[in-house]
PDB file of N, CA and C in Angstrom:
ATOM      1  N   MET A   1       0.818  -1.223   0.027  1.00  0.00           N
ATOM      2  CA  MET A   1      -0.013   0.038  -0.002  1.00  0.00           C
ATOM      3  C   MET A   1       0.946   1.232   0.084  1.00  0.00           C
ATOM      4  N   SER A   2       0.547   2.165  -0.853  1.00  0.00           N
ATOM      5  CA  SER A   2       1.491   3.307  -1.080  1.00  0.00           C
ATOM      6  C   SER A   2       1.112   4.352   0.019  1.00  0.00           C
ATOM      7  N   PRO A   3       2.056   5.236   0.344  1.00  0.00           N
ATOM      8  CA  PRO A   3       1.752   6.305   1.317  1.00  0.00           C
ATOM      9  C   PRO A   3       0.697   7.143   0.901  1.00  0.00           C
ATOM     10  N   SER A   4       0.468   7.461  -0.362  1.00  0.00           N
ATOM     11  CA  SER A   4      -0.728   8.226  -0.803  1.00  0.00           C
ATOM     12  C   SER A   4      -2.026   7.628  -0.486  1.00  0.00           C
ATOM     13  N   GLU A   5      -2.033   6.257  -0.674  1.00  0.00           N
ATOM     14  CA  GLU A   5      -3.280   5.554  -0.328  1.00  0.00           C
ATOM     15  C   GLU A   5      -3.488   5.583   1.171  1.00  0.00           C
ATOM     16  N   VAL A   6      -2.522   5.527   2.028  1.00  0.00           N
ATOM     17  CA  VAL A   6      -2.734   5.592   3.428  1.00  0.00           C
ATOM     18  C   VAL A   6      -3.186   6.945   3.811  1.00  0.00           C
ATOM     19  N   MET A   7      -2.653   8.053   3.211  1.00  0.00           N
ATOM     20  CA  MET A   7      -3.127   9.301   3.496  1.00  0.00           C
ATOM     21  C   MET A   7      -4.580   9.531   3.003  1.00  0.00           C
ATOM     22  N   ARG A   8      -4.948   9.032   2.008  1.00  0.00           N
ATOM     23  CA  ARG A   8      -6.354   9.034   1.484  1.00  0.00           C
ATOM     24  C   ARG A   8      -7.252   8.425   2.373  1.00  0.00           C
ATOM     25  N   ILE A   9      -6.908   7.221   2.903  1.00  0.00           N
ATOM     26  CA  ILE A   9      -7.719   6.499   3.868  1.00  0.00           C
ATOM     27  C   ILE A   9      -7.900   7.269   5.197  1.00  0.00           C
ATOM     28  N   GLY A  10      -6.754   7.891   5.617  1.00  0.00           N
ATOM     29  CA  GLY A  10      -6.748   8.706   6.854  1.00  0.00           C
ATOM     30  C   GLY A  10      -7.726   9.979   6.696  1.00  0.00           C
ATOM     31  N   GLN A  11      -7.560  10.576   5.544  1.00  0.00           N
ATOM     32  CA  GLN A  11      -8.355  11.842   5.192  1.00  0.00           C
ATOM     33  C   GLN A  11      -9.837  11.470   5.245  1.00  0.00           C
ATOM     34  N   GLU A  12     -10.077  10.289   4.592  1.00  0.00           N
ATOM     35  CA  GLU A  12     -11.548   9.819   4.539  1.00  0.00           C
ATOM     36  C   GLU A  12     -12.079   9.537   5.965  1.00  0.00           C
ATOM     37  N   GLY A  13     -11.347   9.022   6.778  1.00  0.00           N
ATOM     38  CA  GLY A  13     -11.729   8.683   8.195  1.00  0.00           C
ATOM     39  C   GLY A  13     -11.948   9.988   8.941  1.00  0.00           C
ATOM     40  N   MET A  14     -11.014  10.992   8.818  1.00  0.00           N
ATOM     41  CA  MET A  14     -11.224  12.261   9.462  1.00  0.00           C
ATOM     42  C   MET A  14     -12.469  12.972   8.997  1.00  0.00           C
ATOM     43  N   ARG A  15     -12.685  12.938   7.665  1.00  0.00           N
ATOM     44  CA  ARG A  15     -13.836  13.567   7.074  1.00  0.00           C
ATOM     45  C   ARG A  15     -15.079  12.951   7.661  1.00  0.00           C
ATOM     46  N   MET A  16     -15.079  11.593   7.736  1.00  0.00           N
ATOM     47  CA  MET A  16     -16.290  10.855   8.224  1.00  0.00           C
ATOM     48  C   MET A  16     -16.526  11.251   9.664  1.00  0.00           C
ATOM     49  N   ALA A  17     -15.531  11.358  10.532  1.00  0.00           N
ATOM     50  CA  ALA A  17     -15.675  11.747  11.901  1.00  0.00           C
ATOM     51  C   ALA A  17     -16.249  13.158  12.037  1.00  0.00           C
ATOM     52  N   LEU A  18     -15.731  14.086  11.182  1.00  0.00           N
ATOM     53  CA  LEU A  18     -16.257  15.371  11.128  1.00  0.00           C
ATOM     54  C   LEU A  18     -17.773  15.514  10.723  1.00  0.00           C
ATOM     55  N   MET A  19     -18.043  14.731   9.675  1.00  0.00           N
ATOM     56  CA  MET A  19     -19.401  14.743   9.139  1.00  0.00           C
ATOM     57  C   MET A  19     -20.454  14.191  10.109  1.00  0.00           C
ATOM     58  N   LEU A  20     -20.045  13.130  10.938  1.00  0.00           N
ATOM     59  CA  LEU A  20     -20.935  12.563  11.889  1.00  0.00           C
ATOM     60  C   LEU A  20     -21.044  13.304  13.136  1.00  0.00           C
ATOM     61  N   SER A  21     -20.043  14.047  13.525  1.00  0.00           N
ATOM     62  CA  SER A  21     -20.093  14.821  14.801  1.00  0.00           C
ATOM     63  C   SER A  21     -20.691  16.193  14.611  1.00  0.00           C
ATOM     64  N   ALA A  22     -20.731  16.755  13.417  1.00  0.00           N
ATOM     65  CA  ALA A  22     -21.089  18.122  13.126  1.00  0.00           C
ATOM     66  C   ALA A  22     -22.487  18.412  13.621  1.00  0.00           C
ATOM     67  N   PRO A  23     -23.528  17.599  13.214  1.00  0.00           N
ATOM     68  CA  PRO A  23     -24.943  17.984  13.604  1.00  0.00           C
ATOM     69  C   PRO A  23     -25.135  18.103  15.135  1.00  0.00           C
ATOM     70  N   VAL A  24     -24.503  17.126  15.841  1.00  0.00           N
ATOM     71  CA  VAL A  24     -24.645  17.141  17.329  1.00  0.00           C
ATOM     72  C   VAL A  24     -23.937  18.377  17.835  1.00  0.00           C
ATOM     73  N   LEU A  25     -22.760  18.630  17.348  1.00  0.00           N
ATOM     74  CA  LEU A  25     -21.941  19.787  17.931  1.00  0.00           C
ATOM     75  C   LEU A  25     -22.550  21.121  17.625  1.00  0.00           C
ATOM     76  N   LEU A  26     -23.099  21.236  16.392  1.00  0.00           N
ATOM     77  CA  LEU A  26     -23.774  22.525  15.948  1.00  0.00           C
ATOM     78  C   LEU A  26     -25.007  22.804  16.753  1.00  0.00           C
ATOM     79  N   VAL A  27     -25.748  21.867  16.957  1.00  0.00           N
ATOM     80  CA  VAL A  27     -27.054  21.955  17.767  1.00  0.00           C
ATOM     81  C   VAL A  27     -26.656  22.324  19.227  1.00  0.00           C
ATOM     82  N   SER A  28     -25.661  21.634  19.753  1.00  0.00           N
ATOM     83  CA  SER A  28     -25.314  21.921  21.128  1.00  0.00           C
ATOM     84  C   SER A  28     -24.722  23.376  21.252  1.00  0.00           C
ATOM     85  N   VAL A  29     -24.025  23.901  20.320  1.00  0.00           N
ATOM     86  CA  VAL A  29     -23.533  25.135  20.327  1.00  0.00           C
ATOM     87  C   VAL A  29     -24.652  26.215  20.208  1.00  0.00           C
ATOM     88  N   ILE A  30     -25.519  25.990  19.294  1.00  0.00           N
ATOM     89  CA  ILE A  30     -26.640  26.896  19.126  1.00  0.00           C
ATOM     90  C   ILE A  30     -27.577  26.991  20.309  1.00  0.00           C
ATOM     91  N   VAL A  31     -27.877  25.764  20.864  1.00  0.00           N
ATOM     92  CA  VAL A  31     -28.749  25.853  22.125  1.00  0.00           C
ATOM     93  C   VAL A  31     -28.025  26.421  23.232  1.00  0.00           C
ATOM     94  N   GLY A  32     -26.744  26.193  23.430  1.00  0.00           N
ATOM     95  CA  GLY A  32     -25.909  26.791  24.435  1.00  0.00           C
ATOM     96  C   GLY A  32     -25.973  28.312  24.323  1.00  0.00           C
ATOM     97  N   THR A  33     -25.819  28.767  23.091  1.00  0.00           N
ATOM     98  CA  THR A  33     -25.775  30.158  22.859  1.00  0.00           C
ATOM     99  C   THR A  33     -27.148  30.867  23.247  1.00  0.00           C
ATOM    100  N   ILE A  34     -28.185  30.175  22.805  1.00  0.00           N
ATOM    101  CA  ILE A  34     -29.534  30.727  23.060  1.00  0.00           C
ATOM    102  C   ILE A  34     -29.768  30.747  24.545  1.00  0.00           C
ATOM    103  N   VAL A  35     -29.354  29.749  25.263  1.00  0.00           N
ATOM    104  CA  VAL A  35     -29.566  29.650  26.697  1.00  0.00           C
ATOM    105  C   VAL A  35     -28.745  30.749  27.490  1.00  0.00           C
ATOM    106  N   SER A  36     -27.559  30.936  26.858  1.00  0.00           N
ATOM    107  CA  SER A  36     -26.702  31.954  27.547  1.00  0.00           C
ATOM    108  C   SER A  36     -27.272  33.308  27.288  1.00  0.00           C
ATOM    109  N   LEU A  37     -27.836  33.544  26.156  1.00  0.00           N
ATOM    110  CA  LEU A  37     -28.546  34.880  25.879  1.00  0.00           C
ATOM    111  C   LEU A  37     -29.599  35.075  26.861  1.00  0.00           C
ATOM    112  N   ILE A  38     -30.439  34.102  27.000  1.00  0.00           N
ATOM    113  CA  ILE A  38     -31.657  34.124  27.880  1.00  0.00           C
ATOM    114  C   ILE A  38     -31.191  34.484  29.260  1.00  0.00           C
ATOM    115  N   GLN A  39     -30.140  33.754  29.778  1.00  0.00           N
ATOM    116  CA  GLN A  39     -29.556  33.910  31.101  1.00  0.00           C
ATOM    117  C   GLN A  39     -29.021  35.376  31.270  1.00  0.00           C
ATOM    118  N   ALA A  40     -28.381  35.854  30.261  1.00  0.00           N
ATOM    119  CA  ALA A  40     -27.881  37.268  30.359  1.00  0.00           C
ATOM    120  C   ALA A  40     -28.933  38.243  30.449  1.00  0.00           C
ATOM    121  N   VAL A  41     -29.987  38.037  29.659  1.00  0.00           N
ATOM    122  CA  VAL A  41     -31.166  38.987  29.645  1.00  0.00           C
ATOM    123  C   VAL A  41     -31.859  38.995  30.986  1.00  0.00           C
ATOM    124  N   THR A  42     -32.136  37.778  31.580  1.00  0.00           N
ATOM    125  CA  THR A  42     -32.862  37.622  32.817  1.00  0.00           C
ATOM    126  C   THR A  42     -31.934  37.725  34.012  1.00  0.00           C
ATOM    127  N   GLN A  43     -30.728  37.762  33.779  1.00  0.00           N
ATOM    128  CA  GLN A  43     -29.669  37.816  34.881  1.00  0.00           C
ATOM    129  C   GLN A  43     -29.840  36.602  35.815  1.00  0.00           C
ATOM    130  N   VAL A  44     -30.223  35.477  35.320  1.00  0.00           N
ATOM    131  CA  VAL A  44     -30.330  34.249  36.142  1.00  0.00           C
ATOM    132  C   VAL A  44     -29.092  33.395  35.647  1.00  0.00           C
ATOM    133  N   HIS A  45     -28.095  33.321  36.561  1.00  0.00           N
ATOM    134  CA  HIS A  45     -26.903  32.534  36.210  1.00  0.00           C
ATOM    135  C   HIS A  45     -26.677  31.253  36.854  1.00  0.00           C
ATOM    136  N   GLU A  46     -27.571  30.388  36.508  1.00  0.00           N
ATOM    137  CA  GLU A  46     -27.447  29.076  37.135  1.00  0.00           C
ATOM    138  C   GLU A  46     -26.871  28.068  36.125  1.00  0.00           C
ATOM    139  N   GLN A  47     -25.871  27.374  36.523  1.00  0.00           N
ATOM    140  CA  GLN A  47     -25.115  26.438  35.672  1.00  0.00           C
ATOM    141  C   GLN A  47     -26.020  25.255  35.191  1.00  0.00           C
ATOM    142  N   THR A  48     -26.861  24.848  36.087  1.00  0.00           N
ATOM    143  CA  THR A  48     -27.634  23.638  35.792  1.00  0.00           C
ATOM    144  C   THR A  48     -28.750  24.010  34.732  1.00  0.00           C
ATOM    145  N   LEU A  49     -29.104  25.221  34.488  1.00  0.00           N
ATOM    146  CA  LEU A  49     -30.064  25.550  33.456  1.00  0.00           C
ATOM    147  C   LEU A  49     -29.571  25.314  32.063  1.00  0.00           C
ATOM    148  N   THR A  50     -28.346  25.341  31.819  1.00  0.00           N
ATOM    149  CA  THR A  50     -27.769  25.159  30.500  1.00  0.00           C
ATOM    150  C   THR A  50     -27.632  23.603  30.109  1.00  0.00           C
ATOM    151  N   PHE A  51     -27.580  22.754  31.096  1.00  0.00           N
ATOM    152  CA  PHE A  51     -27.371  21.399  30.832  1.00  0.00           C
ATOM    153  C   PHE A  51     -28.557  20.641  30.275  1.00  0.00           C
ATOM    154  N   LEU A  52     -29.725  20.856  30.851  1.00  0.00           N
ATOM    155  CA  LEU A  52     -30.964  20.146  30.489  1.00  0.00           C
ATOM    156  C   LEU A  52     -31.352  20.544  28.970  1.00  0.00           C
ATOM    157  N   PRO A  53     -31.359  21.747  28.513  1.00  0.00           N
ATOM    158  CA  PRO A  53     -31.823  22.054  27.124  1.00  0.00           C
ATOM    159  C   PRO A  53     -30.768  21.463  26.144  1.00  0.00           C
ATOM    160  N   LYS A  54     -29.456  21.522  26.487  1.00  0.00           N
ATOM    161  CA  LYS A  54     -28.449  20.946  25.579  1.00  0.00           C
ATOM    162  C   LYS A  54     -28.669  19.431  25.508  1.00  0.00           C
ATOM    163  N   LEU A  55     -28.954  18.808  26.657  1.00  0.00           N
ATOM    164  CA  LEU A  55     -29.132  17.337  26.614  1.00  0.00           C
ATOM    165  C   LEU A  55     -30.359  16.915  25.833  1.00  0.00           C
ATOM    166  N   VAL A  56     -31.408  17.641  26.010  1.00  0.00           N
ATOM    167  CA  VAL A  56     -32.651  17.348  25.220  1.00  0.00           C
ATOM    168  C   VAL A  56     -32.411  17.553  23.766  1.00  0.00           C
ATOM    169  N   ALA A  57     -31.749  18.646  23.387  1.00  0.00           N
ATOM    170  CA  ALA A  57     -31.411  18.945  21.947  1.00  0.00           C
ATOM    171  C   ALA A  57     -30.513  17.871  21.352  1.00  0.00           C
ATOM    172  N   VAL A  58     -29.536  17.410  22.106  1.00  0.00           N
ATOM    173  CA  VAL A  58     -28.614  16.431  21.559  1.00  0.00           C
ATOM    174  C   VAL A  58     -29.340  15.044  21.372  1.00  0.00           C
ATOM    175  N   ILE A  59     -30.129  14.710  22.369  1.00  0.00           N
ATOM    176  CA  ILE A  59     -30.964  13.451  22.195  1.00  0.00           C
ATOM    177  C   ILE A  59     -31.819  13.545  21.021  1.00  0.00           C
ATOM    178  N   ALA A  60     -32.488  14.664  20.841  1.00  0.00           N
ATOM    179  CA  ALA A  60     -33.372  14.941  19.703  1.00  0.00           C
ATOM    180  C   ALA A  60     -32.670  14.719  18.380  1.00  0.00           C
ATOM    181  N   VAL A  61     -31.460  15.420  18.245  1.00  0.00           N
ATOM    182  CA  VAL A  61     -30.644  15.285  17.013  1.00  0.00           C
ATOM    183  C   VAL A  61     -30.189  13.863  16.806  1.00  0.00           C
ATOM    184  N   LEU A  62     -29.793  13.082  17.805  1.00  0.00           N
ATOM    185  CA  LEU A  62     -29.435  11.728  17.542  1.00  0.00           C
ATOM    186  C   LEU A  62     -30.550  10.826  17.251  1.00  0.00           C
ATOM    187  N   ALA A  63     -31.797  11.187  17.766  1.00  0.00           N
ATOM    188  CA  ALA A  63     -32.975  10.409  17.404  1.00  0.00           C
ATOM    189  C   ALA A  63     -33.317  10.598  15.952  1.00  0.00           C
ATOM    190  N   ILE A  64     -33.196  11.845  15.499  1.00  0.00           N
ATOM    191  CA  ILE A  64     -33.511  12.248  14.089  1.00  0.00           C
ATOM    192  C   ILE A  64     -32.509  11.780  13.147  1.00  0.00           C
ATOM    193  N   SER A  65     -31.189  11.906  13.477  1.00  0.00           N
ATOM    194  CA  SER A  65     -30.178  11.686  12.456  1.00  0.00           C
ATOM    195  C   SER A  65     -29.443  10.368  12.760  1.00  0.00           C
ATOM    196  N   GLY A  66     -29.881   9.627  13.738  1.00  0.00           N
ATOM    197  CA  GLY A  66     -29.141   8.444  14.113  1.00  0.00           C
ATOM    198  C   GLY A  66     -29.119   7.365  12.972  1.00  0.00           C
ATOM    199  N   GLY A  67     -30.192   7.200  12.276  1.00  0.00           N
ATOM    200  CA  GLY A  67     -30.235   6.322  11.097  1.00  0.00           C
ATOM    201  C   GLY A  67     -29.248   6.633  10.026  1.00  0.00           C
ATOM    202  N   TRP A  68     -29.224   7.900   9.769  1.00  0.00           N
ATOM    203  CA  TRP A  68     -28.251   8.407   8.681  1.00  0.00           C
ATOM    204  C   TRP A  68     -26.808   8.187   9.168  1.00  0.00           C
ATOM    205  N   MET A  69     -26.572   8.509  10.455  1.00  0.00           N
ATOM    206  CA  MET A  69     -25.240   8.197  11.028  1.00  0.00           C
ATOM    207  C   MET A  69     -24.804   6.826  10.963  1.00  0.00           C
ATOM    208  N   LEU A  70     -25.706   5.936  11.350  1.00  0.00           N
ATOM    209  CA  LEU A  70     -25.394   4.480  11.276  1.00  0.00           C
ATOM    210  C   LEU A  70     -25.144   4.055   9.825  1.00  0.00           C
ATOM    211  N   GLU A  71     -25.970   4.554   8.917  1.00  0.00           N
ATOM    212  CA  GLU A  71     -25.793   4.182   7.468  1.00  0.00           C
ATOM    213  C   GLU A  71     -24.428   4.612   7.010  1.00  0.00           C
ATOM    214  N   GLN A  72     -24.060   5.824   7.286  1.00  0.00           N
ATOM    215  CA  GLN A  72     -22.751   6.328   6.849  1.00  0.00           C
ATOM    216  C   GLN A  72     -21.583   5.504   7.517  1.00  0.00           C
ATOM    217  N   THR A  73     -21.693   5.159   8.792  1.00  0.00           N
ATOM    218  CA  THR A  73     -20.707   4.440   9.431  1.00  0.00           C
ATOM    219  C   THR A  73     -20.562   2.999   8.902  1.00  0.00           C
ATOM    220  N   VAL A  74     -21.639   2.370   8.553  1.00  0.00           N
ATOM    221  CA  VAL A  74     -21.686   1.011   8.016  1.00  0.00           C
ATOM    222  C   VAL A  74     -21.069   1.068   6.621  1.00  0.00           C
ATOM    223  N   ALA A  75     -21.358   2.094   5.839  1.00  0.00           N
ATOM    224  CA  ALA A  75     -20.800   2.253   4.442  1.00  0.00           C
ATOM    225  C   ALA A  75     -19.320   2.428   4.484  1.00  0.00           C
ATOM    226  N   TYR A  76     -18.852   3.294   5.453  1.00  0.00           N
ATOM    227  CA  TYR A  76     -17.393   3.415   5.594  1.00  0.00           C
ATOM    228  C   TYR A  76     -16.659   2.228   6.034  1.00  0.00           C
ATOM    229  N   ALA A  77     -17.256   1.468   7.021  1.00  0.00           N
ATOM    230  CA  ALA A  77     -16.683   0.244   7.420  1.00  0.00           C
ATOM    231  C   ALA A  77     -16.558  -0.787   6.359  1.00  0.00           C
ATOM    232  N   THR A  78     -17.594  -0.944   5.510  1.00  0.00           N
ATOM    233  CA  THR A  78     -17.645  -1.839   4.343  1.00  0.00           C
ATOM    234  C   THR A  78     -16.583  -1.424   3.391  1.00  0.00           C
ATOM    235  N   ARG A  79     -16.525  -0.185   3.100  1.00  0.00           N
ATOM    236  CA  ARG A  79     -15.376   0.243   2.097  1.00  0.00           C
ATOM    237  C   ARG A  79     -14.103  -0.051   2.719  1.00  0.00           C
ATOM    238  N   SER A  80     -13.865   0.161   3.993  1.00  0.00           N
ATOM    239  CA  SER A  80     -12.546  -0.123   4.623  1.00  0.00           C
ATOM    240  C   SER A  80     -12.276  -1.632   4.613  1.00  0.00           C
ATOM    241  N   PHE A  81     -13.240  -2.460   4.908  1.00  0.00           N
ATOM    242  CA  PHE A  81     -12.996  -3.921   4.811  1.00  0.00           C
ATOM    243  C   PHE A  81     -12.794  -4.435   3.478  1.00  0.00           C
ATOM    244  N   ASP A  82     -13.437  -3.759   2.445  1.00  0.00           N
ATOM    245  CA  ASP A  82     -13.233  -4.159   1.065  1.00  0.00           C
ATOM    246  C   ASP A  82     -11.736  -3.886   0.634  1.00  0.00           C
ATOM    247  N   ARG A  83     -11.141  -2.867   1.240  1.00  0.00           N
ATOM    248  CA  ARG A  83      -9.705  -2.560   0.833  1.00  0.00           C
ATOM    249  C   ARG A  83      -8.713  -3.464   1.410  1.00  0.00           C
ATOM    250  N   ILE A  84      -9.055  -4.342   2.363  1.00  0.00           N
ATOM    251  CA  ILE A  84      -8.032  -5.147   2.998  1.00  0.00           C
ATOM    252  C   ILE A  84      -7.405  -6.072   1.936  1.00  0.00           C
ATOM    253  N   PRO A  85      -7.971  -6.744   1.072  1.00  0.00           N
ATOM    254  CA  PRO A  85      -7.406  -7.617   0.117  1.00  0.00           C
ATOM    255  C   PRO A  85      -6.524  -6.774  -0.796  1.00  0.00           C
ATOM    256  N   GLU A  86      -6.860  -5.542  -1.149  1.00  0.00           N
ATOM    257  CA  GLU A  86      -5.994  -4.785  -2.009  1.00  0.00           C
ATOM    258  C   GLU A  86      -4.774  -4.374  -1.293  1.00  0.00           C
ATOM    259  N   ALA A  87      -4.897  -4.182   0.008  1.00  0.00           N
ATOM    260  CA  ALA A  87      -3.633  -3.758   0.839  1.00  0.00           C
ATOM    261  C   ALA A  87      -2.759  -4.945   1.047  1.00  0.00           C
ATOM    262  N   SER A  88      -3.278  -6.094   1.096  1.00  0.00           N
ATOM    263  CA  SER A  88      -2.371  -7.269   1.256  1.00  0.00           C
ATOM    264  C   SER A  88      -1.597  -7.643   0.025  1.00  0.00           C
ATOM    265  N   ARG A  89      -2.137  -7.244  -1.139  1.00  0.00           N
ATOM    266  CA  ARG A  89      -1.470  -7.456  -2.534  1.00  0.00           C
ATOM    267  C   ARG A  89      -0.458  -6.334  -2.743  1.00  0.00           C
ATOM    268  N   GLY A  90      -0.392  -5.277  -1.970  1.00  0.00           N
ATOM    269  CA  GLY A  90       0.479  -4.191  -2.145  1.00  0.00           C
ATOM    270  C   GLY A  90       1.926  -4.428  -1.905  1.00  0.00           C
ATOM    271  N   GLU A  91       2.783  -3.450  -1.875  1.00  0.00           N
ATOM    272  CA  GLU A  91       4.150  -3.632  -1.707  1.00  0.00           C
ATOM    273  C   GLU A  91       4.558  -4.186  -0.402  1.00  0.00           C
ATOM    274  N   ALA A  92       5.640  -4.948  -0.297  1.00  0.00           N
ATOM    275  CA  ALA A  92       6.131  -5.428   1.035  1.00  0.00           C
ATOM    276  C   ALA A  92       6.844  -4.307   1.773  1.00  0.00           C
ATOM    277  N   PRO A  93       6.758  -4.277   3.041  1.00  0.00           N
ATOM    278  CA  PRO A  93       7.538  -3.241   3.824  1.00  0.00           C
ATOM    279  C   PRO A  93       9.019  -3.400   3.710  1.00  0.00           C
TER     280      PRO A  93
END
């Protein structure tokens, strides 16, 4: 397996991790910002108030996009396993 092939596989893995984590992270950041704005306006600075809305939002995003995330992960794993015979036929170290 050539170094460029290894780099391509690594880049694809990083891209997959970013693509799968982006929806959850974005929703968490947006909800956290909205709750912080509400806390600043009402001058109620309770740390526990930020936890529950973020938790509910993250669970909702995982419930909505969980199937898509699983589908993408299975497709990536299948492509990775399909590359194993090609890698074993590659150059010797």
